[in-house]
Protein backbone atom coordinates (compact mmCIF):
# COMPACT_ATOMS: atom_id res chain seq x y z
CA MET A 1 168.29 139.30 210.38
CA LYS A 2 170.42 136.97 212.40
CA HIS A 3 173.36 135.87 210.26
CA ALA A 4 175.77 133.85 212.39
CA ILE A 5 174.48 130.65 214.02
CA VAL A 6 175.72 130.12 217.56
CA THR A 7 174.46 129.36 221.06
CA ALA A 8 175.55 130.83 224.42
CA ALA A 9 176.50 127.35 225.47
CA VAL A 10 179.11 127.13 222.68
CA LEU A 11 180.65 130.41 223.71
CA ALA A 12 180.75 129.36 227.35
CA THR A 13 182.70 126.18 226.67
CA ALA A 14 185.62 127.99 225.01
CA THR A 15 189.02 128.08 226.82
CA PRO A 16 191.82 130.40 226.07
CA LEU A 17 194.43 128.95 223.73
CA ALA A 18 197.62 130.19 222.05
CA ALA A 19 197.69 131.87 218.63
CA GLN A 20 196.24 129.77 215.80
CA SER A 21 196.48 129.66 212.08
CA TRP A 22 193.53 128.39 209.99
CA ASP A 23 193.27 127.30 206.37
CA MET A 24 190.24 128.34 204.44
CA PRO A 25 189.79 126.89 200.97
CA THR A 26 187.37 128.65 198.58
CA PRO A 27 186.37 127.77 194.98
CA TYR A 28 186.45 131.08 193.20
CA GLY A 29 189.21 133.33 191.99
CA ASN A 30 190.39 136.49 193.68
CA ALA A 31 188.37 138.78 191.34
CA THR A 32 185.09 137.24 192.47
CA PHE A 33 183.27 139.40 194.90
CA HIS A 34 182.63 136.37 197.21
CA THR A 35 186.43 135.95 197.52
CA VAL A 36 186.92 139.68 198.02
CA ASN A 37 184.39 139.58 200.83
CA ILE A 38 186.05 136.61 202.47
CA MET A 39 189.45 138.22 202.28
CA GLU A 40 188.10 141.16 204.11
CA PHE A 41 186.44 138.82 206.68
CA ALA A 42 189.89 137.13 207.32
CA ASP A 43 191.62 140.62 207.41
CA GLU A 44 189.16 141.93 210.01
CA ILE A 45 189.63 138.85 212.26
CA ARG A 46 193.47 139.10 211.92
CA GLU A 47 193.34 142.76 212.86
CA ALA A 48 190.92 142.46 215.72
CA THR A 49 192.85 139.51 217.26
CA GLY A 50 196.29 141.01 216.77
CA SER A 51 197.03 137.98 214.52
CA GLU A 52 196.15 135.66 217.32
CA LEU A 53 193.89 134.06 214.71
CA ASP A 54 195.33 134.13 211.25
CA ILE A 55 193.13 132.80 208.55
CA THR A 56 194.82 131.99 205.19
CA VAL A 57 192.36 132.06 202.27
CA HIS A 58 193.25 129.57 199.56
CA SER A 59 191.12 130.81 196.61
CA GLY A 60 190.27 129.37 193.18
CA GLY A 61 190.25 125.74 194.44
CA SER A 62 194.00 125.91 195.05
CA LEU A 63 194.02 123.91 198.25
CA PHE A 64 190.95 121.65 197.64
CA PRO A 65 188.67 121.46 194.58
CA HIS A 66 185.20 122.75 195.07
CA GLU A 67 183.60 119.32 195.49
CA GLU A 68 185.94 118.48 198.37
CA ILE A 69 185.79 121.63 200.43
CA LYS A 70 182.88 120.66 202.67
CA ASN A 71 184.38 117.34 203.57
CA ALA A 72 187.87 118.87 204.04
CA VAL A 73 186.39 121.05 206.83
CA ARG A 74 184.35 118.22 208.19
CA SER A 75 187.43 115.98 208.50
CA ARG A 76 189.44 118.87 209.86
CA LEU A 77 191.91 118.95 206.92
CA ALA A 78 191.00 122.70 206.94
CA GLN A 79 189.41 124.73 209.61
CA ALA A 80 186.91 126.73 207.54
CA GLY A 81 185.79 126.89 203.88
CA GLU A 82 183.31 128.14 201.32
CA PHE A 83 181.17 126.24 198.94
CA PHE A 84 178.09 126.61 196.79
CA LEU A 85 175.25 125.57 199.07
CA SER A 86 173.03 123.78 196.56
CA ARG A 87 175.92 121.35 195.74
CA LEU A 88 174.58 119.58 198.81
CA ASN A 89 171.05 119.18 197.34
CA ASN A 90 171.63 115.42 196.88
CA GLU A 91 172.24 115.10 200.60
CA ASN A 92 169.05 116.87 201.59
CA ALA A 93 166.82 119.07 199.37
CA ALA A 94 166.73 121.69 202.13
CA TYR A 95 170.15 122.75 201.00
CA GLY A 96 169.11 123.38 197.34
CA LEU A 97 165.82 125.29 197.54
CA ASP A 98 167.63 128.58 196.62
CA SER A 99 168.47 127.03 193.32
CA GLN A 100 164.91 125.84 192.57
CA PRO A 101 164.06 127.63 189.30
CA PHE A 102 161.57 130.53 189.67
CA LEU A 103 161.04 129.95 193.41
CA ALA A 104 162.91 132.95 194.67
CA THR A 105 164.00 135.29 191.94
CA SER A 106 164.66 138.62 193.68
CA TYR A 107 166.95 139.57 196.62
CA GLU A 108 163.88 140.22 198.74
CA ASP A 109 162.45 136.76 198.11
CA ALA A 110 166.02 135.16 198.47
CA GLN A 111 166.45 136.81 201.89
CA ARG A 112 163.05 135.69 203.01
CA LEU A 113 163.88 132.09 201.86
CA TRP A 114 167.22 132.15 203.64
CA GLU A 115 165.61 133.20 206.93
CA LEU A 116 163.56 130.01 206.77
CA GLN A 117 166.40 127.84 205.38
CA GLU A 118 169.17 129.04 207.75
CA PRO A 119 168.15 127.24 210.97
CA VAL A 120 167.48 124.01 209.14
CA VAL A 121 170.84 124.19 207.25
CA ALA A 122 172.63 124.92 210.60
CA GLU A 123 171.04 121.89 212.21
CA LEU A 124 171.92 119.63 209.31
CA LEU A 125 175.49 120.77 209.25
CA ALA A 126 175.80 120.51 213.00
CA GLU A 127 175.27 116.73 212.59
CA GLU A 128 178.58 116.61 210.68
CA GLY A 129 180.42 118.84 213.05
CA LEU A 130 180.15 121.99 210.95
CA MET A 131 178.86 125.46 211.93
CA PRO A 132 177.72 128.01 209.29
CA LEU A 133 179.27 131.44 209.73
CA PHE A 134 177.58 133.45 206.92
CA SER A 135 175.94 133.03 203.50
CA VAL A 136 176.00 135.36 200.50
CA PRO A 137 173.90 135.21 197.30
CA TRP A 138 175.06 135.42 193.74
CA PRO A 139 173.08 137.86 191.51
CA ALA A 140 170.01 136.30 189.88
CA GLN A 141 171.08 133.78 187.16
CA GLY A 142 170.94 134.67 183.47
CA LEU A 143 171.24 132.75 180.21
CA TYR A 144 174.41 132.78 178.00
CA THR A 145 174.19 131.60 174.41
CA ASN A 146 175.47 132.15 170.98
CA GLY A 147 172.53 133.72 169.26
CA GLU A 148 169.18 134.74 170.71
CA ILE A 149 167.11 132.14 172.49
CA ALA A 150 163.44 132.95 171.85
CA THR A 151 161.85 129.77 173.20
CA VAL A 152 162.82 126.82 175.46
CA GLU A 153 162.87 124.70 172.42
CA ASP A 154 165.88 126.69 171.18
CA LEU A 155 167.96 125.10 173.94
CA SER A 156 167.30 121.62 172.75
CA GLY A 157 170.53 119.68 171.81
CA LEU A 158 172.93 122.26 173.27
CA ARG A 159 175.68 121.15 175.56
CA PHE A 160 174.70 123.01 178.80
CA ARG A 161 177.00 123.81 181.67
CA ALA A 162 175.60 122.48 184.94
CA TYR A 163 176.92 123.12 188.51
CA ASN A 164 174.38 121.35 190.64
CA ALA A 165 171.57 118.76 190.45
CA GLN A 166 168.96 121.29 189.79
CA LEU A 167 170.68 122.60 186.67
CA GLU A 168 171.24 119.07 185.46
CA GLU A 169 167.52 118.40 185.75
CA PHE A 170 166.75 121.74 184.17
CA ALA A 171 168.89 121.04 181.13
CA GLN A 172 167.46 117.60 180.65
CA ILE A 173 163.87 118.85 180.74
CA ALA A 174 164.82 121.50 178.24
CA GLY A 175 166.29 118.87 175.89
CA ALA A 176 169.90 120.03 176.44
CA ALA A 177 172.80 117.90 177.50
CA PRO A 178 174.18 118.89 180.95
CA VAL A 179 177.97 118.94 181.53
CA GLN A 180 179.50 119.61 184.91
CA VAL A 181 182.02 122.50 184.68
CA GLU A 182 183.38 124.59 187.48
CA ALA A 183 183.42 128.42 187.23
CA THR A 184 187.27 128.52 186.83
CA ASP A 185 187.01 126.17 183.80
CA ILE A 186 184.21 127.94 181.87
CA PRO A 187 186.39 129.67 179.24
CA GLN A 188 188.24 126.49 178.35
CA ALA A 189 184.97 124.41 178.28
CA PHE A 190 183.50 126.81 175.77
CA ALA A 191 186.71 126.98 173.79
CA THR A 192 186.90 123.21 173.38
CA GLY A 193 183.18 122.76 172.62
CA GLN A 194 182.62 120.94 175.90
CA VAL A 195 179.65 123.32 176.58
CA GLU A 196 177.73 125.71 174.32
CA ALA A 197 175.40 127.44 176.75
CA MET A 198 175.06 128.20 180.47
CA ILE A 199 172.88 129.77 183.17
CA THR A 200 175.05 131.67 185.69
CA SER A 201 175.35 135.04 187.27
CA PRO A 202 176.51 138.27 185.62
CA SER A 203 179.50 138.15 188.03
CA THR A 204 180.67 134.84 186.68
CA GLY A 205 179.94 135.86 183.16
CA ALA A 206 182.15 139.06 183.38
CA ASN A 207 184.88 137.41 185.40
CA SER A 208 185.21 134.63 182.82
CA ALA A 209 185.17 137.16 179.97
CA ALA A 210 182.08 135.61 178.41
CA TRP A 211 182.21 137.92 175.47
CA ASP A 212 185.16 135.80 174.14
CA PHE A 213 182.86 132.73 173.73
CA VAL A 214 179.16 133.83 173.58
CA THR A 215 177.24 136.49 171.85
CA HIS A 216 173.98 136.91 173.85
CA TYR A 217 173.06 137.30 177.50
CA THR A 218 169.40 137.05 178.54
CA PRO A 219 168.60 138.06 182.21
CA ILE A 220 166.00 135.46 182.96
CA ASN A 221 166.44 135.84 186.71
CA ALA A 222 166.02 132.16 187.14
CA TRP A 223 167.06 131.89 190.83
CA VAL A 224 169.29 133.59 193.38
CA PRO A 225 171.70 130.89 194.71
CA LYS A 226 174.01 131.21 197.62
CA ASN A 227 177.47 130.42 198.81
CA ILE A 228 177.99 129.42 202.42
CA VAL A 229 181.04 129.78 204.72
CA VAL A 230 181.41 127.11 207.36
CA VAL A 231 183.82 126.39 210.16
CA SER A 232 184.69 123.14 211.92
CA GLN A 233 182.83 123.14 215.23
CA ARG A 234 185.86 121.65 216.87
CA ALA A 235 188.13 124.43 215.53
CA PHE A 236 185.67 127.10 216.69
CA ASP A 237 185.38 125.55 220.10
CA GLY A 238 189.13 125.69 220.41
CA LEU A 239 189.04 129.54 220.37
CA ASP A 240 188.71 131.47 223.54
CA GLU A 241 185.47 133.25 224.23
CA GLU A 242 186.70 136.72 223.03
CA THR A 243 188.09 135.37 219.72
CA GLN A 244 184.84 133.42 219.09
CA GLN A 245 182.90 136.61 219.45
CA ILE A 246 185.26 138.38 217.05
CA VAL A 247 184.73 135.71 214.43
CA LEU A 248 180.94 135.92 214.88
CA ASP A 249 180.91 139.61 214.55
CA ALA A 250 183.11 139.51 211.42
CA ALA A 251 180.77 136.87 209.98
CA GLU A 252 177.74 138.99 210.52
CA ALA A 253 179.49 141.96 208.97
CA ALA A 254 180.58 139.77 206.02
CA GLU A 255 177.04 138.59 205.39
CA THR A 256 175.62 142.11 205.40
CA ARG A 257 178.44 143.41 203.22
CA GLY A 258 178.18 140.38 200.90
CA TRP A 259 174.47 140.89 200.09
CA GLU A 260 175.20 144.52 199.33
CA MET A 261 178.15 143.56 197.11
CA SER A 262 175.97 141.01 195.24
CA ALA A 263 173.31 143.64 194.48
CA ALA A 264 175.78 146.07 193.18
CA GLU A 265 177.42 143.33 191.09
CA ALA A 266 174.22 142.52 189.25
CA GLU A 267 173.99 145.86 187.46
CA GLU A 268 177.72 146.53 187.24
CA LYS A 269 178.69 143.25 185.62
CA THR A 270 175.86 143.24 183.24
CA GLN A 271 177.07 146.61 182.01
CA VAL A 272 180.60 145.27 181.71
CA MET A 273 179.38 142.48 179.43
CA ALA A 274 177.49 145.00 177.37
CA ASP A 275 180.54 147.29 177.13
CA ASN A 276 182.51 144.27 175.76
CA GLY A 277 180.07 143.50 173.02
CA ILE A 278 177.59 141.02 174.42
CA THR A 279 174.07 141.67 173.25
CA ILE A 280 171.80 141.94 176.24
CA VAL A 281 168.32 140.49 175.31
CA GLU A 282 165.27 140.67 177.44
CA PRO A 283 163.49 137.33 177.53
CA SER A 284 160.52 136.90 175.27
CA GLU A 285 157.10 135.99 176.73
CA GLU A 286 157.31 132.60 175.09
CA LEU A 287 160.72 131.91 176.74
CA VAL A 288 159.59 133.11 180.16
CA ALA A 289 156.43 130.91 179.91
CA GLY A 290 158.47 127.88 178.91
CA LEU A 291 160.96 128.41 181.71
CA GLN A 292 158.29 128.84 184.33
CA GLU A 293 156.72 125.65 183.07
CA ILE A 294 159.98 123.82 183.66
CA GLY A 295 160.17 125.41 187.12
CA ALA A 296 156.75 124.20 187.95
CA GLN A 297 157.53 120.67 186.81
CA MET A 298 160.72 120.55 188.84
CA LEU A 299 158.85 121.76 191.98
CA THR A 300 156.33 119.02 191.55
CA THR A 301 159.16 116.49 191.33
CA LEU A 302 160.80 118.11 194.36
CA ARG A 303 157.74 117.68 196.48
CA GLU A 304 157.43 114.01 195.65
CA GLY A 305 160.78 113.11 197.06
CA ALA A 306 161.95 115.92 199.31
CA SER A 307 162.84 115.65 202.89
CA GLU A 308 160.56 116.66 205.71
CA GLU A 309 162.92 119.64 206.38
CA ALA A 310 162.76 120.87 202.74
CA LEU A 311 158.94 120.48 202.53
CA GLY A 312 158.62 122.42 205.84
CA ILE A 313 160.74 125.29 204.52
CA LEU A 314 158.67 125.29 201.24
CA GLU A 315 155.46 125.35 203.06
CA ALA A 316 156.43 128.22 205.19
CA TYR A 317 157.89 130.17 202.33
CA GLU A 318 154.81 129.85 200.10
CA SER A 319 152.42 130.58 202.90
CA GLU A 320 153.97 133.97 203.73
């Protein structure tokens, strides 16, 4: 699978320049496997270039908050950055298909969807002077609650953490109240009663010590969303051809490594939560049926207002 998006013409236009330092904001803490992977990506580039390209990773939203990272790179306040891809869903539904409930629920399906999504995402980002380097999925999303959730109706009235437009819509259809909360703020949000339930990955659950504020985890495998790492096209073009190729090679390695890390995380972090006292509950048939009904309703709504790009990806995905 082709992971880094680039053309021969871009490589050919590069001219040698002196050593450069890049800033790279990311939204998640150092313990998150996405950040670990990105740190390794930066280290590989630093080593391969003899520190001629030195990328400083600013994790945990320390340089820019999550919602500002894309525009920070676009406006060249930072040279590269990572963000949750479906945060851009309101700009174009093509960005958010990986967070569409029950559309792609396995790594195999998620990879197939990304192969269709990738060239469209690259073209859309290019219009803003951005170039995607690599994308890595989270483990499939599960449900965190206090007490077992047997049916969708059990979610009604709960304050529900949302991190993108799809989750807001999902919560509203389920009768819950969506509340925007970043991953780094999850423990405080539960402690203060700002949220009472959430859908997120086993990685985020374990990293936020979910056992301190919820009792049950239900692996509903709702979707397999992705983070994306982008670079300013202007910053990339400012590298000499050899350094450009080093960046692209490191990006391809990071994507391959990241998908492998994600798969390992799913099982490992679920076990961590179980070991710390969270009850792991397989979803009931009634809950699965209700969730799939919500997914079907959301897909119908998506088709009614989605961009041509998104509908094209969806048609190709469903026809395979």
